Structure formats: C-alpha cells, structure tokens
Amino acid sequence: MIPLSFYLILSAAFFSIGIIGVLTRRNAIIIFMCIELMLNAVNLSFIAFASFFGDSSGQIFVLFVMAVAAAEAAVGLAIVIALFRNKLTINVDEVNILKW
C-alpha cells in the first residue's frame, strides 16, 4: 500500500506547477489548463484522504469539483473565443477590454 504522504507530495507538486503556470504564462488557454491542473491536484488530495480514512465524502467532493471544472472550462472557452473575435489575440497582456 502506498502511504498517504506520497499522494500529498504529488498533489502539492501538481498544484505548484499549476500556480507557476498561472503566474508566468500569458496565453489564456494555457492559464485555463493550469487552473484545471490545480483543480485536479485538489481532487487527488480528496481521493487520497477518502481512501486513507475509509470515508466516501472525499469522492463526493471530487464530483462537485469536477462539475465546477467543467463549468469553468465551458465559460472560459466562451470568453477566449469572444476575446479572439474582438482582439484577434488570446494573449492576456494585449487584451484591455475592461480598461476605461
């Protein structure tokens, strides 16, 4: 049996990679992919704790997080398409629609 700490270290590594990607990348699609990576890291932690404690509530939380991630992906893709139609770029540095 694999110890809980291995799962948590892997989850922390995935979450850290996601945060670094969100903070350093400028492409909107890459940023959304990094946010998905962070959500999957949280899902891994939920599943690891659910397995460790023998409780299924962590798996229920994973279903909710997956639903939120699917909604985020749909809304994010719609925003990226709208920005590309207006500005012809998906680089977040070049998009200044919300400025006065």
PDB file of N, CA and C in Angstrom:
ATOM      1  N   MET A   1       0.832  -1.176   0.000  1.00  0.00           N
ATOM      2  CA  MET A   1       0.000   0.000   0.000  1.00  0.00           C
ATOM      3  C   MET A   1       0.884   1.249   0.000  1.00  0.00           C
ATOM      4  N   ILE A   2       0.517   2.207  -0.817  1.00  0.00           N
ATOM      5  CA  ILE A   2       1.285   3.445  -0.931  1.00  0.00           C
ATOM      6  C   ILE A   2       0.862   4.393   0.193  1.00  0.00           C
ATOM      7  N   PRO A   3       1.829   4.996   0.883  1.00  0.00           N
ATOM      8  CA  PRO A   3       1.477   5.893   2.000  1.00  0.00           C
ATOM      9  C   PRO A   3       0.769   7.167   1.517  1.00  0.00           C
ATOM     10  N   LEU A   4       0.025   7.766   2.415  1.00  0.00           N
ATOM     11  CA  LEU A   4      -0.719   8.985   2.114  1.00  0.00           C
ATOM     12  C   LEU A   4       0.213  10.127   1.736  1.00  0.00           C
ATOM     13  N   SER A   5       1.388  10.168   2.325  1.00  0.00           N
ATOM     14  CA  SER A   5       2.311  11.276   2.064  1.00  0.00           C
ATOM     15  C   SER A   5       2.743  11.332   0.601  1.00  0.00           C
ATOM     16  N   PHE A   6       2.865  10.192  -0.058  1.00  0.00           N
ATOM     17  CA  PHE A   6       3.244  10.199  -1.470  1.00  0.00           C
ATOM     18  C   PHE A   6       2.181  10.876  -2.319  1.00  0.00           C
ATOM     19  N   TYR A   7       0.920  10.587  -2.032  1.00  0.00           N
ATOM     20  CA  TYR A   7      -0.169  11.217  -2.767  1.00  0.00           C
ATOM     21  C   TYR A   7      -0.200  12.727  -2.518  1.00  0.00           C
ATOM     22  N   LEU A   8       0.038  13.115  -1.270  1.00  0.00           N
ATOM     23  CA  LEU A   8       0.006  14.539  -0.938  1.00  0.00           C
ATOM     24  C   LEU A   8       1.183  15.288  -1.549  1.00  0.00           C
ATOM     25  N   ILE A   9       2.343  14.657  -1.614  1.00  0.00           N
ATOM     26  CA  ILE A   9       3.500  15.280  -2.268  1.00  0.00           C
ATOM     27  C   ILE A   9       3.235  15.438  -3.762  1.00  0.00           C
ATOM     28  N   LEU A  10       2.673  14.423  -4.384  1.00  0.00           N
ATOM     29  CA  LEU A  10       2.337  14.510  -5.804  1.00  0.00           C
ATOM     30  C   LEU A  10       1.286  15.589  -6.054  1.00  0.00           C
ATOM     31  N   SER A  11       0.303  15.654  -5.183  1.00  0.00           N
ATOM     32  CA  SER A  11      -0.727  16.672  -5.308  1.00  0.00           C
ATOM     33  C   SER A  11      -0.137  18.071  -5.139  1.00  0.00           C
ATOM     34  N   ALA A  12       0.756  18.239  -4.188  1.00  0.00           N
ATOM     35  CA  ALA A  12       1.402  19.536  -3.981  1.00  0.00           C
ATOM     36  C   ALA A  12       2.265  19.918  -5.179  1.00  0.00           C
ATOM     37  N   ALA A  13       2.922  18.941  -5.782  1.00  0.00           N
ATOM     38  CA  ALA A  13       3.729  19.217  -6.968  1.00  0.00           C
ATOM     39  C   ALA A  13       2.844  19.666  -8.130  1.00  0.00           C
ATOM     40  N   PHE A  14       1.731  18.968  -8.348  1.00  0.00           N
ATOM     41  CA  PHE A  14       0.810  19.373  -9.409  1.00  0.00           C
ATOM     42  C   PHE A  14       0.249  20.764  -9.156  1.00  0.00           C
ATOM     43  N   PHE A  15      -0.121  21.039  -7.911  1.00  0.00           N
ATOM     44  CA  PHE A  15      -0.681  22.343  -7.578  1.00  0.00           C
ATOM     45  C   PHE A  15       0.366  23.443  -7.778  1.00  0.00           C
ATOM     46  N   SER A  16       1.610  23.162  -7.400  1.00  0.00           N
ATOM     47  CA  SER A  16       2.680  24.142  -7.579  1.00  0.00           C
ATOM     48  C   SER A  16       2.953  24.417  -9.050  1.00  0.00           C
ATOM     49  N   ILE A  17       2.945  23.385  -9.866  1.00  0.00           N
ATOM     50  CA  ILE A  17       3.128  23.563 -11.310  1.00  0.00           C
ATOM     51  C   ILE A  17       1.992  24.399 -11.873  1.00  0.00           C
ATOM     52  N   GLY A  18       0.785  24.161 -11.403  1.00  0.00           N
ATOM     53  CA  GLY A  18      -0.359  24.948 -11.862  1.00  0.00           C
ATOM     54  C   GLY A  18      -0.245  26.405 -11.473  1.00  0.00           C
ATOM     55  N   ILE A  19       0.170  26.684 -10.256  1.00  0.00           N
ATOM     56  CA  ILE A  19       0.317  28.078  -9.813  1.00  0.00           C
ATOM     57  C   ILE A  19       1.416  28.777 -10.594  1.00  0.00           C
ATOM     58  N   ILE A  20       2.530  28.093 -10.802  1.00  0.00           N
ATOM     59  CA  ILE A  20       3.614  28.691 -11.587  1.00  0.00           C
ATOM     60  C   ILE A  20       3.138  28.985 -13.007  1.00  0.00           C
ATOM     61  N   GLY A  21       2.367  28.083 -13.578  1.00  0.00           N
ATOM     62  CA  GLY A  21       1.839  28.304 -14.920  1.00  0.00           C
ATOM     63  C   GLY A  21       0.883  29.475 -14.994  1.00  0.00           C
ATOM     64  N   VAL A  22       0.023  29.624 -13.995  1.00  0.00           N
ATOM     65  CA  VAL A  22      -0.926  30.744 -13.989  1.00  0.00           C
ATOM     66  C   VAL A  22      -0.189  32.066 -13.841  1.00  0.00           C
ATOM     67  N   LEU A  23       0.842  32.087 -13.012  1.00  0.00           N
ATOM     68  CA  LEU A  23       1.541  33.339 -12.756  1.00  0.00           C
ATOM     69  C   LEU A  23       2.517  33.737 -13.846  1.00  0.00           C
ATOM     70  N   THR A  24       3.028  32.777 -14.617  1.00  0.00           N
ATOM     71  CA  THR A  24       4.061  33.104 -15.596  1.00  0.00           C
ATOM     72  C   THR A  24       3.577  33.129 -17.035  1.00  0.00           C
ATOM     73  N   ARG A  25       2.549  32.400 -17.368  1.00  0.00           N
ATOM     74  CA  ARG A  25       2.098  32.330 -18.760  1.00  0.00           C
ATOM     75  C   ARG A  25       1.193  33.491 -19.104  1.00  0.00           C
ATOM     76  N   ARG A  26       1.139  33.821 -20.383  1.00  0.00           N
ATOM     77  CA  ARG A  26       0.296  34.918 -20.844  1.00  0.00           C
ATOM     78  C   ARG A  26      -0.790  34.455 -21.807  1.00  0.00           C
ATOM     79  N   ASN A  27      -0.739  33.217 -22.232  1.00  0.00           N
ATOM     80  CA  ASN A  27      -1.754  32.677 -23.129  1.00  0.00           C
ATOM     81  C   ASN A  27      -2.955  32.238 -22.299  1.00  0.00           C
ATOM     82  N   ALA A  28      -4.134  32.711 -22.660  1.00  0.00           N
ATOM     83  CA  ALA A  28      -5.333  32.431 -21.856  1.00  0.00           C
ATOM     84  C   ALA A  28      -5.653  30.939 -21.799  1.00  0.00           C
ATOM     85  N   ILE A  29      -5.436  30.228 -22.869  1.00  0.00           N
ATOM     86  CA  ILE A  29      -5.734  28.793 -22.885  1.00  0.00           C
ATOM     87  C   ILE A  29      -4.788  28.038 -21.954  1.00  0.00           C
ATOM     88  N   ILE A  30      -3.516  28.416 -21.953  1.00  0.00           N
ATOM     89  CA  ILE A  30      -2.554  27.786 -21.048  1.00  0.00           C
ATOM     90  C   ILE A  30      -2.916  28.087 -19.593  1.00  0.00           C
ATOM     91  N   ILE A  31      -3.378  29.310 -19.326  1.00  0.00           N
ATOM     92  CA  ILE A  31      -3.783  29.668 -17.965  1.00  0.00           C
ATOM     93  C   ILE A  31      -4.953  28.798 -17.519  1.00  0.00           C
ATOM     94  N   PHE A  32      -5.933  28.597 -18.394  1.00  0.00           N
ATOM     95  CA  PHE A  32      -7.067  27.742 -18.036  1.00  0.00           C
ATOM     96  C   PHE A  32      -6.622  26.293 -17.830  1.00  0.00           C
ATOM     97  N   MET A  33      -5.667  25.822 -18.611  1.00  0.00           N
ATOM     98  CA  MET A  33      -5.155  24.462 -18.415  1.00  0.00           C
ATOM     99  C   MET A  33      -4.444  24.335 -17.067  1.00  0.00           C
ATOM    100  N   CYS A  34      -3.736  25.383 -16.653  1.00  0.00           N
ATOM    101  CA  CYS A  34      -3.060  25.348 -15.354  1.00  0.00           C
ATOM    102  C   CYS A  34      -4.070  25.377 -14.212  1.00  0.00           C
ATOM    103  N   ILE A  35      -5.167  26.109 -14.382  1.00  0.00           N
ATOM    104  CA  ILE A  35      -6.218  26.096 -13.368  1.00  0.00           C
ATOM    105  C   ILE A  35      -6.838  24.703 -13.267  1.00  0.00           C
ATOM    106  N   GLU A  36      -7.024  24.047 -14.401  1.00  0.00           N
ATOM    107  CA  GLU A  36      -7.531  22.667 -14.388  1.00  0.00           C
ATOM    108  C   GLU A  36      -6.542  21.734 -13.676  1.00  0.00           C
ATOM    109  N   LEU A  37      -5.254  21.965 -13.879  1.00  0.00           N
ATOM    110  CA  LEU A  37      -4.249  21.147 -13.198  1.00  0.00           C
ATOM    111  C   LEU A  37      -4.326  21.342 -11.690  1.00  0.00           C
ATOM    112  N   MET A  38      -4.549  22.573 -11.252  1.00  0.00           N
ATOM    113  CA  MET A  38      -4.690  22.823  -9.819  1.00  0.00           C
ATOM    114  C   MET A  38      -5.937  22.152  -9.264  1.00  0.00           C
ATOM    115  N   LEU A  39      -7.033  22.193 -10.006  1.00  0.00           N
ATOM    116  CA  LEU A  39      -8.252  21.520  -9.548  1.00  0.00           C
ATOM    117  C   LEU A  39      -8.056  20.008  -9.473  1.00  0.00           C
ATOM    118  N   ASN A  40      -7.329  19.450 -10.418  1.00  0.00           N
ATOM    119  CA  ASN A  40      -7.055  18.012 -10.376  1.00  0.00           C
ATOM    120  C   ASN A  40      -6.126  17.650  -9.219  1.00  0.00           C
ATOM    121  N   ALA A  41      -5.232  18.553  -8.841  1.00  0.00           N
ATOM    122  CA  ALA A  41      -4.385  18.308  -7.670  1.00  0.00           C
ATOM    123  C   ALA A  41      -5.235  18.244  -6.406  1.00  0.00           C
ATOM    124  N   VAL A  42      -6.210  19.128  -6.318  1.00  0.00           N
ATOM    125  CA  VAL A  42      -7.119  19.090  -5.170  1.00  0.00           C
ATOM    126  C   VAL A  42      -7.934  17.797  -5.186  1.00  0.00           C
ATOM    127  N   ASN A  43      -8.378  17.385  -6.364  1.00  0.00           N
ATOM    128  CA  ASN A  43      -9.115  16.124  -6.474  1.00  0.00           C
ATOM    129  C   ASN A  43      -8.270  14.945  -5.989  1.00  0.00           C
ATOM    130  N   LEU A  44      -6.988  14.945  -6.346  1.00  0.00           N
ATOM    131  CA  LEU A  44      -6.107  13.872  -5.895  1.00  0.00           C
ATOM    132  C   LEU A  44      -6.002  13.849  -4.380  1.00  0.00           C
ATOM    133  N   SER A  45      -5.927  15.020  -3.764  1.00  0.00           N
ATOM    134  CA  SER A  45      -5.880  15.087  -2.296  1.00  0.00           C
ATOM    135  C   SER A  45      -7.172  14.568  -1.675  1.00  0.00           C
ATOM    136  N   PHE A  46      -8.308  14.966  -2.243  1.00  0.00           N
ATOM    137  CA  PHE A  46      -9.594  14.481  -1.731  1.00  0.00           C
ATOM    138  C   PHE A  46      -9.681  12.963  -1.799  1.00  0.00           C
ATOM    139  N   ILE A  47      -9.300  12.398  -2.930  1.00  0.00           N
ATOM    140  CA  ILE A  47      -9.362  10.942  -3.100  1.00  0.00           C
ATOM    141  C   ILE A  47      -8.385  10.241  -2.153  1.00  0.00           C
ATOM    142  N   ALA A  48      -7.188  10.815  -1.983  1.00  0.00           N
ATOM    143  CA  ALA A  48      -6.205  10.200  -1.085  1.00  0.00           C
ATOM    144  C   ALA A  48      -6.715  10.191   0.355  1.00  0.00           C
ATOM    145  N   PHE A  49      -7.284  11.318   0.789  1.00  0.00           N
ATOM    146  CA  PHE A  49      -7.817  11.357   2.161  1.00  0.00           C
ATOM    147  C   PHE A  49      -9.036  10.449   2.311  1.00  0.00           C
ATOM    148  N   ALA A  50      -9.871  10.382   1.289  1.00  0.00           N
ATOM    149  CA  ALA A  50     -11.035   9.499   1.362  1.00  0.00           C
ATOM    150  C   ALA A  50     -10.603   8.042   1.477  1.00  0.00           C
ATOM    151  N   SER A  51      -9.576   7.681   0.733  1.00  0.00           N
ATOM    152  CA  SER A  51      -9.075   6.311   0.802  1.00  0.00           C
ATOM    153  C   SER A  51      -8.394   6.038   2.139  1.00  0.00           C
ATOM    154  N   PHE A  52      -7.654   7.024   2.633  1.00  0.00           N
ATOM    155  CA  PHE A  52      -6.926   6.839   3.892  1.00  0.00           C
ATOM    156  C   PHE A  52      -7.870   6.689   5.077  1.00  0.00           C
ATOM    157  N   PHE A  53      -8.912   7.500   5.122  1.00  0.00           N
ATOM    158  CA  PHE A  53      -9.851   7.460   6.241  1.00  0.00           C
ATOM    159  C   PHE A  53     -11.002   6.491   6.019  1.00  0.00           C
ATOM    160  N   GLY A  54     -11.128   5.915   4.840  1.00  0.00           N
ATOM    161  CA  GLY A  54     -12.190   4.961   4.572  1.00  0.00           C
ATOM    162  C   GLY A  54     -13.564   5.599   4.481  1.00  0.00           C
ATOM    163  N   ASP A  55     -13.600   6.874   4.132  1.00  0.00           N
ATOM    164  CA  ASP A  55     -14.851   7.622   4.044  1.00  0.00           C
ATOM    165  C   ASP A  55     -15.079   8.022   2.588  1.00  0.00           C
ATOM    166  N   SER A  56     -16.309   7.999   2.148  1.00  0.00           N
ATOM    167  CA  SER A  56     -16.590   8.328   0.746  1.00  0.00           C
ATOM    168  C   SER A  56     -16.940   9.799   0.535  1.00  0.00           C
ATOM    169  N   SER A  57     -16.866  10.617   1.565  1.00  0.00           N
ATOM    170  CA  SER A  57     -17.225  12.027   1.392  1.00  0.00           C
ATOM    171  C   SER A  57     -16.222  12.758   0.500  1.00  0.00           C
ATOM    172  N   GLY A  58     -14.956  12.335   0.504  1.00  0.00           N
ATOM    173  CA  GLY A  58     -13.969  12.939  -0.391  1.00  0.00           C
ATOM    174  C   GLY A  58     -14.306  12.710  -1.843  1.00  0.00           C
ATOM    175  N   GLN A  59     -14.854  11.551  -2.152  1.00  0.00           N
ATOM    176  CA  GLN A  59     -15.244  11.258  -3.528  1.00  0.00           C
ATOM    177  C   GLN A  59     -16.442  12.094  -3.951  1.00  0.00           C
ATOM    178  N   ILE A  60     -17.309  12.412  -3.023  1.00  0.00           N
ATOM    179  CA  ILE A  60     -18.450  13.284  -3.337  1.00  0.00           C
ATOM    180  C   ILE A  60     -17.955  14.687  -3.636  1.00  0.00           C
ATOM    181  N   PHE A  61     -16.968  15.165  -2.854  1.00  0.00           N
ATOM    182  CA  PHE A  61     -16.383  16.472  -3.140  1.00  0.00           C
ATOM    183  C   PHE A  61     -15.717  16.499  -4.509  1.00  0.00           C
ATOM    184  N   VAL A  62     -15.102  15.384  -4.892  1.00  0.00           N
ATOM    185  CA  VAL A  62     -14.465  15.315  -6.212  1.00  0.00           C
ATOM    186  C   VAL A  62     -15.499  15.499  -7.315  1.00  0.00           C
ATOM    187  N   LEU A  63     -16.673  14.927  -7.155  1.00  0.00           N
ATOM    188  CA  LEU A  63     -17.724  15.109  -8.157  1.00  0.00           C
ATOM    189  C   LEU A  63     -18.119  16.579  -8.278  1.00  0.00           C
ATOM    190  N   PHE A  64     -18.212  17.263  -7.141  1.00  0.00           N
ATOM    191  CA  PHE A  64     -18.542  18.691  -7.186  1.00  0.00           C
ATOM    192  C   PHE A  64     -17.426  19.501  -7.847  1.00  0.00           C
ATOM    193  N   VAL A  65     -16.180  19.186  -7.525  1.00  0.00           N
ATOM    194  CA  VAL A  65     -15.050  19.901  -8.122  1.00  0.00           C
ATOM    195  C   VAL A  65     -15.000  19.650  -9.621  1.00  0.00           C
ATOM    196  N   MET A  66     -15.307  18.433 -10.046  1.00  0.00           N
ATOM    197  CA  MET A  66     -15.321  18.134 -11.482  1.00  0.00           C
ATOM    198  C   MET A  66     -16.431  18.898 -12.192  1.00  0.00           C
ATOM    199  N   ALA A  67     -17.575  19.062 -11.534  1.00  0.00           N
ATOM    200  CA  ALA A  67     -18.663  19.848 -12.127  1.00  0.00           C
ATOM    201  C   ALA A  67     -18.261  21.311 -12.251  1.00  0.00           C
ATOM    202  N   VAL A  68     -17.615  21.846 -11.230  1.00  0.00           N
ATOM    203  CA  VAL A  68     -17.143  23.232 -11.284  1.00  0.00           C
ATOM    204  C   VAL A  68     -16.084  23.387 -12.371  1.00  0.00           C
ATOM    205  N   ALA A  69     -15.194  22.408 -12.503  1.00  0.00           N
ATOM    206  CA  ALA A  69     -14.157  22.466 -13.527  1.00  0.00           C
ATOM    207  C   ALA A  69     -14.754  22.414 -14.928  1.00  0.00           C
ATOM    208  N   ALA A  70     -15.782  21.618 -15.113  1.00  0.00           N
ATOM    209  CA  ALA A  70     -16.433  21.558 -16.429  1.00  0.00           C
ATOM    210  C   ALA A  70     -17.113  22.881 -16.758  1.00  0.00           C
ATOM    211  N   ALA A  71     -17.766  23.473 -15.768  1.00  0.00           N
ATOM    212  CA  ALA A  71     -18.405  24.776 -15.996  1.00  0.00           C
ATOM    213  C   ALA A  71     -17.356  25.849 -16.260  1.00  0.00           C
ATOM    214  N   GLU A  72     -16.247  25.804 -15.533  1.00  0.00           N
ATOM    215  CA  GLU A  72     -15.170  26.766 -15.745  1.00  0.00           C
ATOM    216  C   GLU A  72     -14.570  26.625 -17.133  1.00  0.00           C
ATOM    217  N   ALA A  73     -14.416  25.410 -17.590  1.00  0.00           N
ATOM    218  CA  ALA A  73     -13.861  25.195 -18.927  1.00  0.00           C
ATOM    219  C   ALA A  73     -14.806  25.713 -20.005  1.00  0.00           C
ATOM    220  N   ALA A  74     -16.091  25.498 -19.836  1.00  0.00           N
ATOM    221  CA  ALA A  74     -17.058  25.973 -20.831  1.00  0.00           C
ATOM    222  C   ALA A  74     -17.120  27.493 -20.867  1.00  0.00           C
ATOM    223  N   VAL A  75     -17.199  28.116 -19.698  1.00  0.00           N
ATOM    224  CA  VAL A  75     -17.258  29.578 -19.642  1.00  0.00           C
ATOM    225  C   VAL A  75     -15.934  30.181 -20.092  1.00  0.00           C
ATOM    226  N   GLY A  76     -14.834  29.594 -19.666  1.00  0.00           N
ATOM    227  CA  GLY A  76     -13.519  30.095 -20.080  1.00  0.00           C
ATOM    228  C   GLY A  76     -13.313  30.013 -21.576  1.00  0.00           C
ATOM    229  N   LEU A  77     -13.712  28.917 -22.182  1.00  0.00           N
ATOM    230  CA  LEU A  77     -13.579  28.787 -23.631  1.00  0.00           C
ATOM    231  C   LEU A  77     -14.459  29.802 -24.357  1.00  0.00           C
ATOM    232  N   ALA A  78     -15.650  30.054 -23.846  1.00  0.00           N
ATOM    233  CA  ALA A  78     -16.517  31.062 -24.463  1.00  0.00           C
ATOM    234  C   ALA A  78     -15.896  32.450 -24.361  1.00  0.00           C
ATOM    235  N   ILE A  79     -15.282  32.757 -23.230  1.00  0.00           N
ATOM    236  CA  ILE A  79     -14.619  34.053 -23.071  1.00  0.00           C
ATOM    237  C   ILE A  79     -13.432  34.170 -24.008  1.00  0.00           C
ATOM    238  N   VAL A  80     -12.636  33.113 -24.126  1.00  0.00           N
ATOM    239  CA  VAL A  80     -11.477  33.136 -25.019  1.00  0.00           C
ATOM    240  C   VAL A  80     -11.920  33.329 -26.472  1.00  0.00           C
ATOM    241  N   ILE A  81     -12.981  32.659 -26.874  1.00  0.00           N
ATOM    242  CA  ILE A  81     -13.479  32.818 -28.249  1.00  0.00           C
ATOM    243  C   ILE A  81     -13.977  34.238 -28.482  1.00  0.00           C
ATOM    244  N   ALA A  82     -14.687  34.809 -27.505  1.00  0.00           N
ATOM    245  CA  ALA A  82     -15.175  36.184 -27.646  1.00  0.00           C
ATOM    246  C   ALA A  82     -14.017  37.175 -27.714  1.00  0.00           C
ATOM    247  N   LEU A  83     -12.990  36.968 -26.896  1.00  0.00           N
ATOM    248  CA  LEU A  83     -11.827  37.850 -26.937  1.00  0.00           C
ATOM    249  C   LEU A  83     -11.086  37.731 -28.259  1.00  0.00           C
ATOM    250  N   PHE A  84     -10.971  36.517 -28.758  1.00  0.00           N
ATOM    251  CA  PHE A  84     -10.274  36.334 -30.029  1.00  0.00           C
ATOM    252  C   PHE A  84     -11.033  36.982 -31.178  1.00  0.00           C
ATOM    253  N   ARG A  85     -12.344  36.925 -31.142  1.00  0.00           N
ATOM    254  CA  ARG A  85     -13.137  37.566 -32.191  1.00  0.00           C
ATOM    255  C   ARG A  85     -12.977  39.084 -32.170  1.00  0.00           C
ATOM    256  N   ASN A  86     -12.873  39.655 -30.964  1.00  0.00           N
ATOM    257  CA  ASN A  86     -12.771  41.113 -30.853  1.00  0.00           C
ATOM    258  C   ASN A  86     -11.356  41.632 -31.047  1.00  0.00           C
ATOM    259  N   LYS A  87     -10.376  40.987 -30.450  1.00  0.00           N
ATOM    260  CA  LYS A  87      -8.998  41.490 -30.442  1.00  0.00           C
ATOM    261  C   LYS A  87      -8.035  40.712 -31.332  1.00  0.00           C
ATOM    262  N   LEU A  88      -8.447  39.568 -31.849  1.00  0.00           N
ATOM    263  CA  LEU A  88      -7.610  38.693 -32.679  1.00  0.00           C
ATOM    264  C   LEU A  88      -6.356  38.219 -31.953  1.00  0.00           C
ATOM    265  N   THR A  89      -6.443  38.084 -30.652  1.00  0.00           N
ATOM    266  CA  THR A  89      -5.360  37.533 -29.853  1.00  0.00           C
ATOM    267  C   THR A  89      -5.945  36.914 -28.588  1.00  0.00           C
ATOM    268  N   ILE A  90      -5.210  35.943 -28.035  1.00  0.00           N
ATOM    269  CA  ILE A  90      -5.606  35.367 -26.754  1.00  0.00           C
ATOM    270  C   ILE A  90      -4.525  35.610 -25.711  1.00  0.00           C
ATOM    271  N   ASN A  91      -3.607  36.514 -26.018  1.00  0.00           N
ATOM    272  CA  ASN A  91      -2.571  36.899 -25.082  1.00  0.00           C
ATOM    273  C   ASN A  91      -3.179  37.861 -24.068  1.00  0.00           C
ATOM    274  N   VAL A  92      -3.136  37.518 -22.784  1.00  0.00           N
ATOM    275  CA  VAL A  92      -3.824  38.316 -21.775  1.00  0.00           C
ATOM    276  C   VAL A  92      -3.178  39.679 -21.562  1.00  0.00           C
ATOM    277  N   ASP A  93      -1.919  39.845 -21.942  1.00  0.00           N
ATOM    278  CA  ASP A  93      -1.278  41.152 -21.819  1.00  0.00           C
ATOM    279  C   ASP A  93      -1.813  42.148 -22.843  1.00  0.00           C
ATOM    280  N   GLU A  94      -2.229  41.657 -23.982  1.00  0.00           N
ATOM    281  CA  GLU A  94      -2.698  42.541 -25.051  1.00  0.00           C
ATOM    282  C   GLU A  94      -4.180  42.832 -24.998  1.00  0.00           C
ATOM    283  N   VAL A  95      -4.907  42.166 -24.131  1.00  0.00           N
ATOM    284  CA  VAL A  95      -6.335  42.355 -24.029  1.00  0.00           C
ATOM    285  C   VAL A  95      -6.602  43.411 -22.946  1.00  0.00           C
ATOM    286  N   ASN A  96      -7.220  44.504 -23.346  1.00  0.00           N
ATOM    287  CA  ASN A  96      -7.512  45.582 -22.398  1.00  0.00           C
ATOM    288  C   ASN A  96      -8.951  46.072 -22.557  1.00  0.00           C
ATOM    289  N   ILE A  97      -9.874  45.142 -22.727  1.00  0.00           N
ATOM    290  CA  ILE A  97     -11.275  45.488 -22.949  1.00  0.00           C
ATOM    291  C   ILE A  97     -11.877  46.136 -21.702  1.00  0.00           C
ATOM    292  N   LEU A  98     -11.477  45.720 -20.518  1.00  0.00           N
ATOM    293  CA  LEU A  98     -12.112  46.215 -19.298  1.00  0.00           C
ATOM    294  C   LEU A  98     -11.542  47.546 -18.825  1.00  0.00           C
ATOM    295  N   LYS A  99     -10.520  48.064 -19.521  1.00  0.00           N
ATOM    296  CA  LYS A  99      -9.976  49.366 -19.127  1.00  0.00           C
ATOM    297  C   LYS A  99     -10.868  50.474 -19.631  1.00  0.00           C
ATOM    298  N   TRP A 100     -10.906  51.575 -18.870  1.00  0.00           N
ATOM    299  CA  TRP A 100     -11.744  52.714 -19.253  1.00  0.00           C
ATOM    300  C   TRP A 100     -11.084  53.532 -20.304  1.00  0.00           C
TER     301      TRP A 100
END
